[in-house]
Structures are given as C-alpha cells and as structure tokens.
Amino acid sequence: MEFMLLLWDELDDLTGACRHLVTSAADEVVSVVIPLAAAASALGAGLLAYRWELLAGVAQAASSGLRVVGPIVGA
C-alpha cells in the first residue's frame, strides 16, 4: 500500500511539472501573438481608411463633373 502512495505522489509531481511547463509555454506564445495581432489589425484598419478616402475622392471628383480615367492603383 505504501508503494502505491509513493507512486501516486511521484505521478502527481510529474503531472504538476508538465502542467507548469504547458502553461508557461502557452503564456509565452500568447505574449508574442497578441502584439502581432494588434499591429496587423491596426495596419489593416489604416489601409482600409486610406482606401476609403481614395474612393471618396474619386466619387467626389466624378460627381463634380470631372472625368476619372484609368484604374485606381491597388484595385
């Protein structure tokens, strides 16, 4: 019976160490991914805002009677 308790204690220590390693690794991954995702999101929002202003300028020019010739860059 004592042998089983010692074995159980060792297994418990091993699972605790594995749990600690997994949570530490996950924490490291999250601490890198979150800033990258935020930067990508900001870049995407900036590009969309630029595109929106570009299209608004073309629409304004067309509505004022100017002829818009050629494709929009990046279309």
PDB file of N, CA and C in Angstrom:
ATOM      1  N   MET A   1       0.820  -1.195   0.000  1.00  0.00           N
ATOM      2  CA  MET A   1       0.000   0.000   0.000  1.00  0.00           C
ATOM      3  C   MET A   1       0.867   1.262   0.000  1.00  0.00           C
ATOM      4  N   GLU A   2       1.943   1.224   0.769  1.00  0.00           N
ATOM      5  CA  GLU A   2       2.822   2.382   0.844  1.00  0.00           C
ATOM      6  C   GLU A   2       3.491   2.640  -0.513  1.00  0.00           C
ATOM      7  N   PHE A   3       3.796   1.569  -1.225  1.00  0.00           N
ATOM      8  CA  PHE A   3       4.394   1.697  -2.539  1.00  0.00           C
ATOM      9  C   PHE A   3       3.439   2.433  -3.501  1.00  0.00           C
ATOM     10  N   MET A   4       2.174   2.125  -3.420  1.00  0.00           N
ATOM     11  CA  MET A   4       1.186   2.772  -4.275  1.00  0.00           C
ATOM     12  C   MET A   4       1.081   4.263  -3.951  1.00  0.00           C
ATOM     13  N   LEU A   5       1.146   4.596  -2.667  1.00  0.00           N
ATOM     14  CA  LEU A   5       1.090   6.003  -2.279  1.00  0.00           C
ATOM     15  C   LEU A   5       2.314   6.765  -2.783  1.00  0.00           C
ATOM     16  N   LEU A   6       3.487   6.157  -2.705  1.00  0.00           N
ATOM     17  CA  LEU A   6       4.701   6.793  -3.216  1.00  0.00           C
ATOM     18  C   LEU A   6       4.627   6.953  -4.734  1.00  0.00           C
ATOM     19  N   LEU A   7       4.134   5.944  -5.407  1.00  0.00           N
ATOM     20  CA  LEU A   7       3.980   6.023  -6.855  1.00  0.00           C
ATOM     21  C   LEU A   7       2.988   7.119  -7.234  1.00  0.00           C
ATOM     22  N   TRP A   8       1.899   7.171  -6.507  1.00  0.00           N
ATOM     23  CA  TRP A   8       0.887   8.205  -6.753  1.00  0.00           C
ATOM     24  C   TRP A   8       1.479   9.605  -6.538  1.00  0.00           C
ATOM     25  N   ASP A   9       2.286   9.770  -5.507  1.00  0.00           N
ATOM     26  CA  ASP A   9       2.916  11.049  -5.216  1.00  0.00           C
ATOM     27  C   ASP A   9       3.877  11.450  -6.338  1.00  0.00           C
ATOM     28  N   GLU A  10       4.641  10.497  -6.848  1.00  0.00           N
ATOM     29  CA  GLU A  10       5.560  10.794  -7.946  1.00  0.00           C
ATOM     30  C   GLU A  10       4.802  11.177  -9.218  1.00  0.00           C
ATOM     31  N   LEU A  11       3.740  10.458  -9.503  1.00  0.00           N
ATOM     32  CA  LEU A  11       2.923  10.794 -10.672  1.00  0.00           C
ATOM     33  C   LEU A  11       2.290  12.172 -10.537  1.00  0.00           C
ATOM     34  N   ASP A  12       1.864  12.498  -9.341  1.00  0.00           N
ATOM     35  CA  ASP A  12       1.280  13.811  -9.081  1.00  0.00           C
ATOM     36  C   ASP A  12       2.327  14.911  -9.301  1.00  0.00           C
ATOM     37  N   ASP A  13       3.554  14.684  -8.827  1.00  0.00           N
ATOM     38  CA  ASP A  13       4.632  15.654  -9.051  1.00  0.00           C
ATOM     39  C   ASP A  13       4.926  15.811 -10.540  1.00  0.00           C
ATOM     40  N   LEU A  14       4.943  14.711 -11.256  1.00  0.00           N
ATOM     41  CA  LEU A  14       5.218  14.747 -12.690  1.00  0.00           C
ATOM     42  C   LEU A  14       4.124  15.499 -13.448  1.00  0.00           C
ATOM     43  N   THR A  15       2.879  15.232 -13.138  1.00  0.00           N
ATOM     44  CA  THR A  15       1.788  15.938 -13.825  1.00  0.00           C
ATOM     45  C   THR A  15       1.789  17.423 -13.468  1.00  0.00           C
ATOM     46  N   GLY A  16       2.147  17.752 -12.247  1.00  0.00           N
ATOM     47  CA  GLY A  16       2.244  19.165 -11.863  1.00  0.00           C
ATOM     48  C   GLY A  16       3.336  19.881 -12.637  1.00  0.00           C
ATOM     49  N   ALA A  17       4.476  19.220 -12.808  1.00  0.00           N
ATOM     50  CA  ALA A  17       5.571  19.818 -13.575  1.00  0.00           C
ATOM     51  C   ALA A  17       5.179  19.980 -15.039  1.00  0.00           C
ATOM     52  N   CYS A  18       4.520  18.986 -15.606  1.00  0.00           N
ATOM     53  CA  CYS A  18       4.071  19.076 -17.003  1.00  0.00           C
ATOM     54  C   CYS A  18       3.042  20.194 -17.165  1.00  0.00           C
ATOM     55  N   ARG A  19       2.127  20.297 -16.227  1.00  0.00           N
ATOM     56  CA  ARG A  19       1.123  21.356 -16.270  1.00  0.00           C
ATOM     57  C   ARG A  19       1.801  22.726 -16.222  1.00  0.00           C
ATOM     58  N   HIS A  20       2.809  22.865 -15.383  1.00  0.00           N
ATOM     59  CA  HIS A  20       3.535  24.119 -15.269  1.00  0.00           C
ATOM     60  C   HIS A  20       4.248  24.459 -16.583  1.00  0.00           C
ATOM     61  N   LEU A  21       4.869  23.483 -17.214  1.00  0.00           N
ATOM     62  CA  LEU A  21       5.554  23.725 -18.474  1.00  0.00           C
ATOM     63  C   LEU A  21       4.585  24.131 -19.580  1.00  0.00           C
ATOM     64  N   VAL A  22       3.454  23.469 -19.637  1.00  0.00           N
ATOM     65  CA  VAL A  22       2.476  23.779 -20.679  1.00  0.00           C
ATOM     66  C   VAL A  22       1.903  25.178 -20.485  1.00  0.00           C
ATOM     67  N   THR A  23       1.563  25.534 -19.269  1.00  0.00           N
ATOM     68  CA  THR A  23       1.002  26.872 -19.039  1.00  0.00           C
ATOM     69  C   THR A  23       2.052  27.953 -19.275  1.00  0.00           C
ATOM     70  N   SER A  24       3.293  27.686 -18.932  1.00  0.00           N
ATOM     71  CA  SER A  24       4.359  28.663 -19.199  1.00  0.00           C
ATOM     72  C   SER A  24       4.574  28.844 -20.696  1.00  0.00           C
ATOM     73  N   ALA A  25       4.563  27.752 -21.440  1.00  0.00           N
ATOM     74  CA  ALA A  25       4.729  27.839 -22.892  1.00  0.00           C
ATOM     75  C   ALA A  25       3.557  28.589 -23.528  1.00  0.00           C
ATOM     76  N   ALA A  26       2.351  28.298 -23.069  1.00  0.00           N
ATOM     77  CA  ALA A  26       1.177  28.991 -23.604  1.00  0.00           C
ATOM     78  C   ALA A  26       1.249  30.486 -23.294  1.00  0.00           C
ATOM     79  N   ASP A  27       1.709  30.835 -22.111  1.00  0.00           N
ATOM     80  CA  ASP A  27       1.849  32.231 -21.733  1.00  0.00           C
ATOM     81  C   ASP A  27       2.857  32.940 -22.632  1.00  0.00           C
ATOM     82  N   GLU A  28       3.960  32.281 -22.938  1.00  0.00           N
ATOM     83  CA  GLU A  28       4.970  32.872 -23.814  1.00  0.00           C
ATOM     84  C   GLU A  28       4.421  33.076 -25.221  1.00  0.00           C
ATOM     85  N   VAL A  29       3.686  32.101 -25.729  1.00  0.00           N
ATOM     86  CA  VAL A  29       3.117  32.212 -27.074  1.00  0.00           C
ATOM     87  C   VAL A  29       2.107  33.353 -27.133  1.00  0.00           C
ATOM     88  N   VAL A  30       1.251  33.442 -26.140  1.00  0.00           N
ATOM     89  CA  VAL A  30       0.237  34.495 -26.118  1.00  0.00           C
ATOM     90  C   VAL A  30       0.886  35.870 -26.004  1.00  0.00           C
ATOM     91  N   SER A  31       1.962  35.975 -25.225  1.00  0.00           N
ATOM     92  CA  SER A  31       2.607  37.272 -25.053  1.00  0.00           C
ATOM     93  C   SER A  31       3.268  37.755 -26.343  1.00  0.00           C
ATOM     94  N   VAL A  32       3.524  36.864 -27.279  1.00  0.00           N
ATOM     95  CA  VAL A  32       4.078  37.258 -28.575  1.00  0.00           C
ATOM     96  C   VAL A  32       2.965  37.483 -29.595  1.00  0.00           C
ATOM     97  N   VAL A  33       1.949  36.648 -29.579  1.00  0.00           N
ATOM     98  CA  VAL A  33       0.906  36.693 -30.606  1.00  0.00           C
ATOM     99  C   VAL A  33       0.013  37.924 -30.459  1.00  0.00           C
ATOM    100  N   ILE A  34      -0.325  38.316 -29.254  1.00  0.00           N
ATOM    101  CA  ILE A  34      -1.261  39.427 -29.056  1.00  0.00           C
ATOM    102  C   ILE A  34      -0.726  40.731 -29.640  1.00  0.00           C
ATOM    103  N   PRO A  35       0.526  41.137 -29.379  1.00  0.00           N
ATOM    104  CA  PRO A  35       1.001  42.372 -30.009  1.00  0.00           C
ATOM    105  C   PRO A  35       1.070  42.281 -31.544  1.00  0.00           C
ATOM    106  N   LEU A  36       1.416  41.124 -32.060  1.00  0.00           N
ATOM    107  CA  LEU A  36       1.449  40.955 -33.519  1.00  0.00           C
ATOM    108  C   LEU A  36       0.048  41.083 -34.121  1.00  0.00           C
ATOM    109  N   ALA A  37      -0.928  40.507 -33.466  1.00  0.00           N
ATOM    110  CA  ALA A  37      -2.308  40.599 -33.951  1.00  0.00           C
ATOM    111  C   ALA A  37      -2.808  42.042 -33.877  1.00  0.00           C
ATOM    112  N   ALA A  38      -2.446  42.751 -32.821  1.00  0.00           N
ATOM    113  CA  ALA A  38      -2.856  44.152 -32.701  1.00  0.00           C
ATOM    114  C   ALA A  38      -2.208  45.004 -33.789  1.00  0.00           C
ATOM    115  N   ALA A  39      -0.940  44.757 -34.075  1.00  0.00           N
ATOM    116  CA  ALA A  39      -0.257  45.513 -35.119  1.00  0.00           C
ATOM    117  C   ALA A  39      -0.867  45.223 -36.491  1.00  0.00           C
ATOM    118  N   ALA A  40      -1.165  43.961 -36.757  1.00  0.00           N
ATOM    119  CA  ALA A  40      -1.776  43.597 -38.038  1.00  0.00           C
ATOM    120  C   ALA A  40      -3.162  44.228 -38.181  1.00  0.00           C
ATOM    121  N   SER A  41      -3.903  44.257 -37.090  1.00  0.00           N
ATOM    122  CA  SER A  41      -5.228  44.863 -37.115  1.00  0.00           C
ATOM    123  C   SER A  41      -5.141  46.362 -37.372  1.00  0.00           C
ATOM    124  N   ALA A  42      -4.195  47.030 -36.724  1.00  0.00           N
ATOM    125  CA  ALA A  42      -4.021  48.471 -36.943  1.00  0.00           C
ATOM    126  C   ALA A  42      -3.592  48.760 -38.376  1.00  0.00           C
ATOM    127  N   LEU A  43      -2.701  47.939 -38.913  1.00  0.00           N
ATOM    128  CA  LEU A  43      -2.263  48.113 -40.291  1.00  0.00           C
ATOM    129  C   LEU A  43      -3.438  47.928 -41.257  1.00  0.00           C
ATOM    130  N   GLY A  44      -4.225  46.901 -41.018  1.00  0.00           N
ATOM    131  CA  GLY A  44      -5.397  46.669 -41.866  1.00  0.00           C
ATOM    132  C   GLY A  44      -6.392  47.808 -41.792  1.00  0.00           C
ATOM    133  N   ALA A  45      -6.620  48.333 -40.597  1.00  0.00           N
ATOM    134  CA  ALA A  45      -7.547  49.455 -40.443  1.00  0.00           C
ATOM    135  C   ALA A  45      -7.007  50.691 -41.153  1.00  0.00           C
ATOM    136  N   GLY A  46      -5.703  50.922 -41.070  1.00  0.00           N
ATOM    137  CA  GLY A  46      -5.113  52.062 -41.764  1.00  0.00           C
ATOM    138  C   GLY A  46      -5.232  51.940 -43.273  1.00  0.00           C
ATOM    139  N   LEU A  47      -4.987  50.736 -43.779  1.00  0.00           N
ATOM    140  CA  LEU A  47      -5.114  50.526 -45.226  1.00  0.00           C
ATOM    141  C   LEU A  47      -6.558  50.691 -45.687  1.00  0.00           C
ATOM    142  N   LEU A  48      -7.505  50.212 -44.885  1.00  0.00           N
ATOM    143  CA  LEU A  48      -8.912  50.378 -45.250  1.00  0.00           C
ATOM    144  C   LEU A  48      -9.317  51.852 -45.217  1.00  0.00           C
ATOM    145  N   ALA A  49      -8.821  52.595 -44.241  1.00  0.00           N
ATOM    146  CA  ALA A  49      -9.145  54.019 -44.158  1.00  0.00           C
ATOM    147  C   ALA A  49      -8.569  54.761 -45.353  1.00  0.00           C
ATOM    148  N   TYR A  50      -7.333  54.426 -45.740  1.00  0.00           N
ATOM    149  CA  TYR A  50      -6.722  55.055 -46.913  1.00  0.00           C
ATOM    150  C   TYR A  50      -7.537  54.753 -48.163  1.00  0.00           C
ATOM    151  N   ARG A  51      -7.925  53.520 -48.322  1.00  0.00           N
ATOM    152  CA  ARG A  51      -8.701  53.108 -49.492  1.00  0.00           C
ATOM    153  C   ARG A  51     -10.049  53.829 -49.519  1.00  0.00           C
ATOM    154  N   TRP A  52     -10.667  53.976 -48.346  1.00  0.00           N
ATOM    155  CA  TRP A  52     -11.962  54.651 -48.252  1.00  0.00           C
ATOM    156  C   TRP A  52     -11.823  56.118 -48.668  1.00  0.00           C
ATOM    157  N   GLU A  53     -10.760  56.795 -48.205  1.00  0.00           N
ATOM    158  CA  GLU A  53     -10.535  58.192 -48.579  1.00  0.00           C
ATOM    159  C   GLU A  53     -10.244  58.304 -50.071  1.00  0.00           C
ATOM    160  N   LEU A  54      -9.493  57.375 -50.616  1.00  0.00           N
ATOM    161  CA  LEU A  54      -9.187  57.390 -52.042  1.00  0.00           C
ATOM    162  C   LEU A  54     -10.461  57.234 -52.861  1.00  0.00           C
ATOM    163  N   LEU A  55     -11.309  56.292 -52.482  1.00  0.00           N
ATOM    164  CA  LEU A  55     -12.560  56.087 -53.204  1.00  0.00           C
ATOM    165  C   LEU A  55     -13.497  57.272 -53.030  1.00  0.00           C
ATOM    166  N   ALA A  56     -13.505  57.890 -51.860  1.00  0.00           N
ATOM    167  CA  ALA A  56     -14.350  59.061 -51.638  1.00  0.00           C
ATOM    168  C   ALA A  56     -13.887  60.220 -52.515  1.00  0.00           C
ATOM    169  N   GLY A  57     -12.574  60.369 -52.679  1.00  0.00           N
ATOM    170  CA  GLY A  57     -12.054  61.425 -53.550  1.00  0.00           C
ATOM    171  C   GLY A  57     -12.435  61.202 -54.996  1.00  0.00           C
ATOM    172  N   VAL A  58     -12.390  59.976 -55.459  1.00  0.00           N
ATOM    173  CA  VAL A  58     -12.781  59.650 -56.833  1.00  0.00           C
ATOM    174  C   VAL A  58     -14.270  59.912 -57.024  1.00  0.00           C
ATOM    175  N   ALA A  59     -15.066  59.533 -56.060  1.00  0.00           N
ATOM    176  CA  ALA A  59     -16.513  59.753 -56.158  1.00  0.00           C
ATOM    177  C   ALA A  59     -16.833  61.244 -56.172  1.00  0.00           C
ATOM    178  N   GLN A  60     -16.120  62.015 -55.362  1.00  0.00           N
ATOM    179  CA  GLN A  60     -16.346  63.459 -55.330  1.00  0.00           C
ATOM    180  C   GLN A  60     -15.939  64.095 -56.662  1.00  0.00           C
ATOM    181  N   ALA A  61     -14.814  63.649 -57.205  1.00  0.00           N
ATOM    182  CA  ALA A  61     -14.368  64.187 -58.489  1.00  0.00           C
ATOM    183  C   ALA A  61     -15.367  63.841 -59.595  1.00  0.00           C
ATOM    184  N   ALA A  62     -15.869  62.625 -59.577  1.00  0.00           N
ATOM    185  CA  ALA A  62     -16.826  62.209 -60.597  1.00  0.00           C
ATOM    186  C   ALA A  62     -18.140  62.967 -60.461  1.00  0.00           C
ATOM    187  N   SER A  63     -18.566  63.241 -59.249  1.00  0.00           N
ATOM    188  CA  SER A  63     -19.828  63.942 -59.054  1.00  0.00           C
ATOM    189  C   SER A  63     -19.716  65.428 -59.393  1.00  0.00           C
ATOM    190  N   SER A  64     -18.494  65.972 -59.383  1.00  0.00           N
ATOM    191  CA  SER A  64     -18.319  67.390 -59.717  1.00  0.00           C
ATOM    192  C   SER A  64     -18.143  67.596 -61.223  1.00  0.00           C
ATOM    193  N   GLY A  65     -18.215  66.520 -61.979  1.00  0.00           N
ATOM    194  CA  GLY A  65     -18.148  66.644 -63.423  1.00  0.00           C
ATOM    195  C   GLY A  65     -16.793  66.307 -64.011  1.00  0.00           C
ATOM    196  N   LEU A  66     -15.811  66.047 -63.178  1.00  0.00           N
ATOM    197  CA  LEU A  66     -14.505  65.668 -63.691  1.00  0.00           C
ATOM    198  C   LEU A  66     -14.561  64.242 -64.212  1.00  0.00           C
ATOM    199  N   ARG A  67     -13.800  63.992 -65.243  1.00  0.00           N
ATOM    200  CA  ARG A  67     -13.766  62.644 -65.794  1.00  0.00           C
ATOM    201  C   ARG A  67     -12.623  61.885 -65.143  1.00  0.00           C
ATOM    202  N   VAL A  68     -12.922  60.765 -64.558  1.00  0.00           N
ATOM    203  CA  VAL A  68     -11.935  59.932 -63.906  1.00  0.00           C
ATOM    204  C   VAL A  68     -11.502  58.864 -64.900  1.00  0.00           C
ATOM    205  N   VAL A  69     -10.219  58.890 -65.250  1.00  0.00           N
ATOM    206  CA  VAL A  69      -9.700  57.981 -66.267  1.00  0.00           C
ATOM    207  C   VAL A  69      -8.662  57.069 -65.636  1.00  0.00           C
ATOM    208  N   GLY A  70      -8.702  55.790 -65.984  1.00  0.00           N
ATOM    209  CA  GLY A  70      -7.684  54.849 -65.531  1.00  0.00           C
ATOM    210  C   GLY A  70      -8.112  54.138 -64.258  1.00  0.00           C
ATOM    211  N   PRO A  71      -7.421  53.040 -64.029  1.00  0.00           N
ATOM    212  CA  PRO A  71      -7.760  52.263 -62.832  1.00  0.00           C
ATOM    213  C   PRO A  71      -7.196  52.921 -61.574  1.00  0.00           C
ATOM    214  N   ILE A  72      -7.837  52.628 -60.486  1.00  0.00           N
ATOM    215  CA  ILE A  72      -7.340  53.093 -59.188  1.00  0.00           C
ATOM    216  C   ILE A  72      -6.173  52.197 -58.813  1.00  0.00           C
ATOM    217  N   VAL A  73      -5.090  52.773 -58.377  1.00  0.00           N
ATOM    218  CA  VAL A  73      -3.915  51.995 -58.013  1.00  0.00           C
ATOM    219  C   VAL A  73      -4.264  51.068 -56.866  1.00  0.00           C
ATOM    220  N   GLY A  74      -3.934  49.806 -57.007  1.00  0.00           N
ATOM    221  CA  GLY A  74      -4.200  48.829 -55.966  1.00  0.00           C
ATOM    222  C   GLY A  74      -5.553  48.173 -56.063  1.00  0.00           C
ATOM    223  N   ALA A  75      -6.303  48.498 -57.101  1.00  0.00           N
ATOM    224  CA  ALA A  75      -7.645  47.924 -57.239  1.00  0.00           C
ATOM    225  C   ALA A  75      -7.558  46.497 -57.719  1.00  0.00           C
TER     226      ALA A  75
END
